[in-house]
Amino acid sequence: MHSMDNTFEQTTKAYSIQVMGRVQGVGFRYYTEKKAKILGLSGYVQNQPDGSVKIEVEGEDNQLVEFINWCHKGPQWARVQKVSISELPPVGYDGFRVR
């Protein structure tokens, strides 16, 4: 059992992502949720008062790389100008939600 915990620590990563640009009112949060669920990631996405979108996401490395690449583009109507990413300790989110 103990070795499983170690495996979880090594393979699960978590990031805080801030996406700036024209990312509110274009379905960004809903497409983010859809993409995260397809990739089996957990966390949340939330509009911020400054017009940006905040995402906290955790999961396996390969899926996170694909998700972060997607965040640089977003859905068709979004215009992403800047993406800021910082690593966090995983908290064990259950599923992915729009907040």
N, C-alpha and C. Protein backbone atom coordinates (compact mmCIF):
# COMPACT_ATOMS: atom_id res chain seq x y z
N MET A 1 0.83 -1.20 0.00
CA MET A 1 0.00 0.00 0.00
C MET A 1 0.87 1.26 0.00
N HIS A 2 1.93 1.21 0.78
CA HIS A 2 2.80 2.39 0.88
C HIS A 2 3.42 2.75 -0.48
N SER A 3 3.81 1.73 -1.25
CA SER A 3 4.42 2.00 -2.55
C SER A 3 3.43 2.64 -3.52
N MET A 4 2.14 2.31 -3.38
CA MET A 4 1.13 2.95 -4.23
C MET A 4 1.07 4.44 -3.95
N ASP A 5 1.18 4.82 -2.68
CA ASP A 5 1.19 6.24 -2.33
C ASP A 5 2.36 6.95 -3.01
N ASN A 6 3.52 6.32 -2.98
CA ASN A 6 4.68 6.92 -3.62
C ASN A 6 4.48 7.08 -5.12
N THR A 7 3.88 6.07 -5.75
CA THR A 7 3.61 6.14 -7.18
C THR A 7 2.68 7.32 -7.48
N PHE A 8 1.65 7.48 -6.66
CA PHE A 8 0.71 8.59 -6.84
C PHE A 8 1.45 9.92 -6.77
N GLU A 9 2.32 10.07 -5.80
CA GLU A 9 3.06 11.32 -5.64
C GLU A 9 3.91 11.61 -6.87
N GLN A 10 4.51 10.56 -7.43
CA GLN A 10 5.43 10.78 -8.55
C GLN A 10 4.71 11.06 -9.86
N THR A 11 3.55 10.46 -10.08
CA THR A 11 2.91 10.59 -11.38
C THR A 11 1.84 11.67 -11.42
N THR A 12 1.27 12.04 -10.28
CA THR A 12 0.24 13.07 -10.28
C THR A 12 0.88 14.43 -10.03
N LYS A 13 0.57 15.36 -10.92
CA LYS A 13 1.05 16.73 -10.75
C LYS A 13 -0.16 17.65 -10.77
N ALA A 14 0.03 18.84 -10.24
CA ALA A 14 -1.05 19.83 -10.22
C ALA A 14 -0.49 21.19 -10.62
N TYR A 15 -1.31 21.94 -11.36
CA TYR A 15 -0.91 23.27 -11.81
C TYR A 15 -2.02 24.27 -11.61
N SER A 16 -1.62 25.49 -11.33
CA SER A 16 -2.52 26.64 -11.38
C SER A 16 -2.21 27.35 -12.70
N ILE A 17 -3.24 27.57 -13.49
CA ILE A 17 -3.07 28.17 -14.82
C ILE A 17 -3.95 29.40 -14.90
N GLN A 18 -3.38 30.52 -15.32
CA GLN A 18 -4.17 31.72 -15.57
C GLN A 18 -4.10 32.02 -17.05
N VAL A 19 -5.27 32.12 -17.67
CA VAL A 19 -5.36 32.37 -19.11
C VAL A 19 -5.91 33.78 -19.31
N MET A 20 -5.15 34.61 -20.04
CA MET A 20 -5.57 35.99 -20.28
C MET A 20 -5.83 36.21 -21.77
N GLY A 21 -6.71 37.17 -22.05
CA GLY A 21 -7.10 37.48 -23.41
C GLY A 21 -8.62 37.56 -23.48
N ARG A 22 -9.18 37.28 -24.66
CA ARG A 22 -10.64 37.26 -24.78
C ARG A 22 -11.09 35.84 -24.43
N VAL A 23 -11.25 35.59 -23.13
CA VAL A 23 -11.51 34.23 -22.66
C VAL A 23 -12.78 34.12 -21.81
N GLN A 24 -13.48 35.23 -21.62
CA GLN A 24 -14.77 35.17 -20.93
C GLN A 24 -15.88 35.47 -21.94
N GLY A 25 -17.02 34.78 -21.79
CA GLY A 25 -18.14 34.99 -22.69
C GLY A 25 -17.97 34.29 -24.03
N VAL A 26 -17.00 33.37 -24.13
CA VAL A 26 -16.77 32.65 -25.39
C VAL A 26 -16.83 31.14 -25.17
N GLY A 27 -17.39 30.73 -24.03
CA GLY A 27 -17.51 29.30 -23.74
C GLY A 27 -16.23 28.66 -23.23
N PHE A 28 -15.27 29.49 -22.84
CA PHE A 28 -13.96 28.96 -22.45
C PHE A 28 -14.06 27.97 -21.29
N ARG A 29 -14.84 28.32 -20.26
CA ARG A 29 -14.93 27.44 -19.08
C ARG A 29 -15.55 26.09 -19.44
N TYR A 30 -16.59 26.11 -20.28
CA TYR A 30 -17.27 24.85 -20.60
C TYR A 30 -16.41 23.95 -21.48
N TYR A 31 -15.69 24.55 -22.42
CA TYR A 31 -14.79 23.75 -23.25
C TYR A 31 -13.59 23.24 -22.44
N THR A 32 -13.15 24.05 -21.47
CA THR A 32 -12.07 23.62 -20.58
C THR A 32 -12.50 22.40 -19.77
N GLU A 33 -13.72 22.46 -19.24
CA GLU A 33 -14.26 21.34 -18.47
C GLU A 33 -14.34 20.08 -19.35
N LYS A 34 -14.84 20.26 -20.56
CA LYS A 34 -14.98 19.13 -21.49
C LYS A 34 -13.62 18.50 -21.80
N LYS A 35 -12.63 19.34 -22.09
CA LYS A 35 -11.28 18.86 -22.42
C LYS A 35 -10.66 18.13 -21.22
N ALA A 36 -10.81 18.70 -20.04
CA ALA A 36 -10.25 18.08 -18.83
C ALA A 36 -10.87 16.71 -18.58
N LYS A 37 -12.19 16.61 -18.77
CA LYS A 37 -12.88 15.34 -18.52
C LYS A 37 -12.45 14.28 -19.55
N ILE A 38 -12.30 14.68 -20.80
CA ILE A 38 -11.82 13.75 -21.84
C ILE A 38 -10.45 13.20 -21.46
N LEU A 39 -9.59 14.06 -20.90
CA LEU A 39 -8.23 13.66 -20.54
C LEU A 39 -8.14 13.00 -19.16
N GLY A 40 -9.26 12.94 -18.45
CA GLY A 40 -9.26 12.32 -17.13
C GLY A 40 -8.59 13.16 -16.06
N LEU A 41 -8.62 14.49 -16.24
CA LEU A 41 -8.02 15.39 -15.27
C LEU A 41 -9.07 15.88 -14.28
N SER A 42 -8.62 16.37 -13.13
CA SER A 42 -9.55 16.90 -12.15
C SER A 42 -9.13 18.30 -11.73
N GLY A 43 -10.08 19.04 -11.14
CA GLY A 43 -9.82 20.41 -10.72
C GLY A 43 -11.01 21.29 -10.99
N TYR A 44 -10.74 22.56 -11.32
CA TYR A 44 -11.83 23.48 -11.62
C TYR A 44 -11.35 24.60 -12.54
N VAL A 45 -12.32 25.29 -13.14
CA VAL A 45 -12.06 26.48 -13.96
C VAL A 45 -13.03 27.56 -13.50
N GLN A 46 -12.54 28.80 -13.45
CA GLN A 46 -13.32 29.88 -12.85
C GLN A 46 -12.97 31.20 -13.51
N ASN A 47 -14.00 32.01 -13.86
CA ASN A 47 -13.75 33.37 -14.34
C ASN A 47 -13.22 34.22 -13.20
N GLN A 48 -12.31 35.14 -13.53
CA GLN A 48 -11.75 36.05 -12.54
C GLN A 48 -12.26 37.47 -12.80
N PRO A 49 -12.31 38.31 -11.76
CA PRO A 49 -12.80 39.68 -11.93
C PRO A 49 -12.01 40.50 -12.95
N ASP A 50 -10.73 40.16 -13.16
CA ASP A 50 -9.90 40.93 -14.11
C ASP A 50 -10.09 40.50 -15.56
N GLY A 51 -11.03 39.58 -15.81
CA GLY A 51 -11.29 39.16 -17.19
C GLY A 51 -10.53 37.91 -17.60
N SER A 52 -9.66 37.42 -16.74
CA SER A 52 -8.92 36.20 -17.04
C SER A 52 -9.71 34.99 -16.57
N VAL A 53 -9.20 33.81 -16.89
CA VAL A 53 -9.79 32.56 -16.42
C VAL A 53 -8.73 31.83 -15.61
N LYS A 54 -9.11 31.36 -14.43
CA LYS A 54 -8.20 30.61 -13.57
C LYS A 54 -8.56 29.13 -13.62
N ILE A 55 -7.55 28.30 -13.76
CA ILE A 55 -7.74 26.85 -13.78
C ILE A 55 -6.81 26.23 -12.75
N GLU A 56 -7.34 25.35 -11.93
CA GLU A 56 -6.49 24.47 -11.13
C GLU A 56 -6.77 23.07 -11.63
N VAL A 57 -5.70 22.38 -12.02
CA VAL A 57 -5.86 21.07 -12.67
C VAL A 57 -4.80 20.12 -12.16
N GLU A 58 -5.20 18.86 -12.02
CA GLU A 58 -4.22 17.84 -11.62
C GLU A 58 -4.50 16.54 -12.33
N GLY A 59 -3.43 15.76 -12.49
CA GLY A 59 -3.55 14.48 -13.17
C GLY A 59 -2.19 13.98 -13.61
N GLU A 60 -2.22 13.08 -14.59
CA GLU A 60 -0.99 12.47 -15.11
C GLU A 60 -0.26 13.45 -16.02
N ASP A 61 1.06 13.34 -16.00
CA ASP A 61 1.93 14.23 -16.77
C ASP A 61 1.55 14.38 -18.24
N ASN A 62 1.39 13.25 -18.96
CA ASN A 62 1.11 13.31 -20.40
C ASN A 62 -0.18 14.06 -20.69
N GLN A 63 -1.22 13.79 -19.90
CA GLN A 63 -2.51 14.45 -20.10
C GLN A 63 -2.41 15.94 -19.76
N LEU A 64 -1.62 16.26 -18.74
CA LEU A 64 -1.45 17.67 -18.36
C LEU A 64 -0.75 18.45 -19.47
N VAL A 65 0.24 17.85 -20.10
CA VAL A 65 0.94 18.52 -21.21
C VAL A 65 -0.05 18.82 -22.34
N GLU A 66 -0.87 17.84 -22.69
CA GLU A 66 -1.87 18.06 -23.75
C GLU A 66 -2.87 19.15 -23.35
N PHE A 67 -3.30 19.13 -22.08
CA PHE A 67 -4.26 20.11 -21.58
C PHE A 67 -3.67 21.53 -21.61
N ILE A 68 -2.43 21.66 -21.16
CA ILE A 68 -1.78 22.98 -21.14
C ILE A 68 -1.59 23.50 -22.56
N ASN A 69 -1.22 22.62 -23.49
CA ASN A 69 -1.12 23.04 -24.90
C ASN A 69 -2.47 23.55 -25.40
N TRP A 70 -3.55 22.84 -25.02
CA TRP A 70 -4.90 23.27 -25.41
C TRP A 70 -5.23 24.65 -24.83
N CYS A 71 -4.84 24.90 -23.58
CA CYS A 71 -5.12 26.18 -22.93
C CYS A 71 -4.50 27.37 -23.68
N HIS A 72 -3.41 27.13 -24.39
CA HIS A 72 -2.77 28.20 -25.16
C HIS A 72 -3.61 28.58 -26.38
N LYS A 73 -4.54 27.71 -26.79
CA LYS A 73 -5.42 28.01 -27.93
C LYS A 73 -6.84 28.30 -27.45
N GLY A 74 -7.36 27.39 -26.62
CA GLY A 74 -8.74 27.53 -26.15
C GLY A 74 -9.74 27.17 -27.23
N PRO A 75 -11.02 27.41 -26.96
CA PRO A 75 -12.04 27.13 -27.97
C PRO A 75 -11.94 28.12 -29.14
N GLN A 76 -12.65 27.81 -30.18
CA GLN A 76 -12.60 28.55 -31.45
C GLN A 76 -12.75 30.06 -31.30
N TRP A 77 -13.64 30.52 -30.41
CA TRP A 77 -13.94 31.96 -30.34
C TRP A 77 -13.04 32.71 -29.38
N ALA A 78 -12.22 32.00 -28.63
CA ALA A 78 -11.32 32.65 -27.67
C ALA A 78 -10.11 33.23 -28.39
N ARG A 79 -9.52 34.25 -27.77
CA ARG A 79 -8.25 34.80 -28.24
C ARG A 79 -7.32 34.82 -27.04
N VAL A 80 -6.53 33.78 -26.91
CA VAL A 80 -5.62 33.67 -25.76
C VAL A 80 -4.39 34.52 -26.03
N GLN A 81 -4.08 35.44 -25.11
CA GLN A 81 -2.91 36.31 -25.27
C GLN A 81 -1.76 35.86 -24.40
N LYS A 82 -2.07 35.34 -23.20
CA LYS A 82 -1.00 34.97 -22.27
C LYS A 82 -1.48 33.85 -21.36
N VAL A 83 -0.59 32.91 -21.06
CA VAL A 83 -0.88 31.82 -20.13
C VAL A 83 0.22 31.79 -19.08
N SER A 84 -0.17 31.91 -17.81
CA SER A 84 0.78 31.80 -16.70
C SER A 84 0.53 30.48 -15.98
N ILE A 85 1.60 29.74 -15.71
CA ILE A 85 1.47 28.42 -15.10
C ILE A 85 2.40 28.32 -13.90
N SER A 86 1.86 27.81 -12.79
CA SER A 86 2.72 27.50 -11.65
C SER A 86 2.33 26.13 -11.10
N GLU A 87 3.32 25.39 -10.64
CA GLU A 87 3.07 24.05 -10.11
C GLU A 87 2.57 24.15 -8.68
N LEU A 88 1.63 23.29 -8.34
CA LEU A 88 1.04 23.22 -6.99
C LEU A 88 1.19 21.81 -6.46
N PRO A 89 1.05 21.63 -5.14
CA PRO A 89 0.95 20.25 -4.63
C PRO A 89 -0.45 19.71 -4.95
N PRO A 90 -0.57 18.47 -5.41
CA PRO A 90 -1.90 17.90 -5.71
C PRO A 90 -2.76 17.86 -4.45
N VAL A 91 -4.05 18.18 -4.60
CA VAL A 91 -4.97 18.16 -3.46
C VAL A 91 -6.00 17.04 -3.55
N GLY A 92 -6.05 16.35 -4.70
CA GLY A 92 -7.00 15.24 -4.83
C GLY A 92 -8.41 15.68 -5.16
N TYR A 93 -8.55 16.56 -6.14
CA TYR A 93 -9.88 16.98 -6.60
C TYR A 93 -10.68 15.77 -7.08
N ASP A 94 -11.98 15.84 -6.87
CA ASP A 94 -12.88 14.79 -7.35
C ASP A 94 -13.60 15.33 -8.59
N GLY A 95 -13.14 14.92 -9.76
CA GLY A 95 -13.75 15.41 -11.00
C GLY A 95 -13.31 16.80 -11.35
N PHE A 96 -13.88 17.35 -12.42
CA PHE A 96 -13.55 18.69 -12.89
C PHE A 96 -14.81 19.51 -12.97
N ARG A 97 -14.80 20.73 -12.45
CA ARG A 97 -16.00 21.55 -12.36
C ARG A 97 -15.79 22.95 -12.92
N VAL A 98 -16.88 23.53 -13.40
CA VAL A 98 -16.93 24.96 -13.69
C VAL A 98 -17.39 25.63 -12.42
N ARG A 99 -16.66 26.64 -11.99
CA ARG A 99 -17.08 27.40 -10.79
C ARG A 99 -17.61 28.76 -11.16
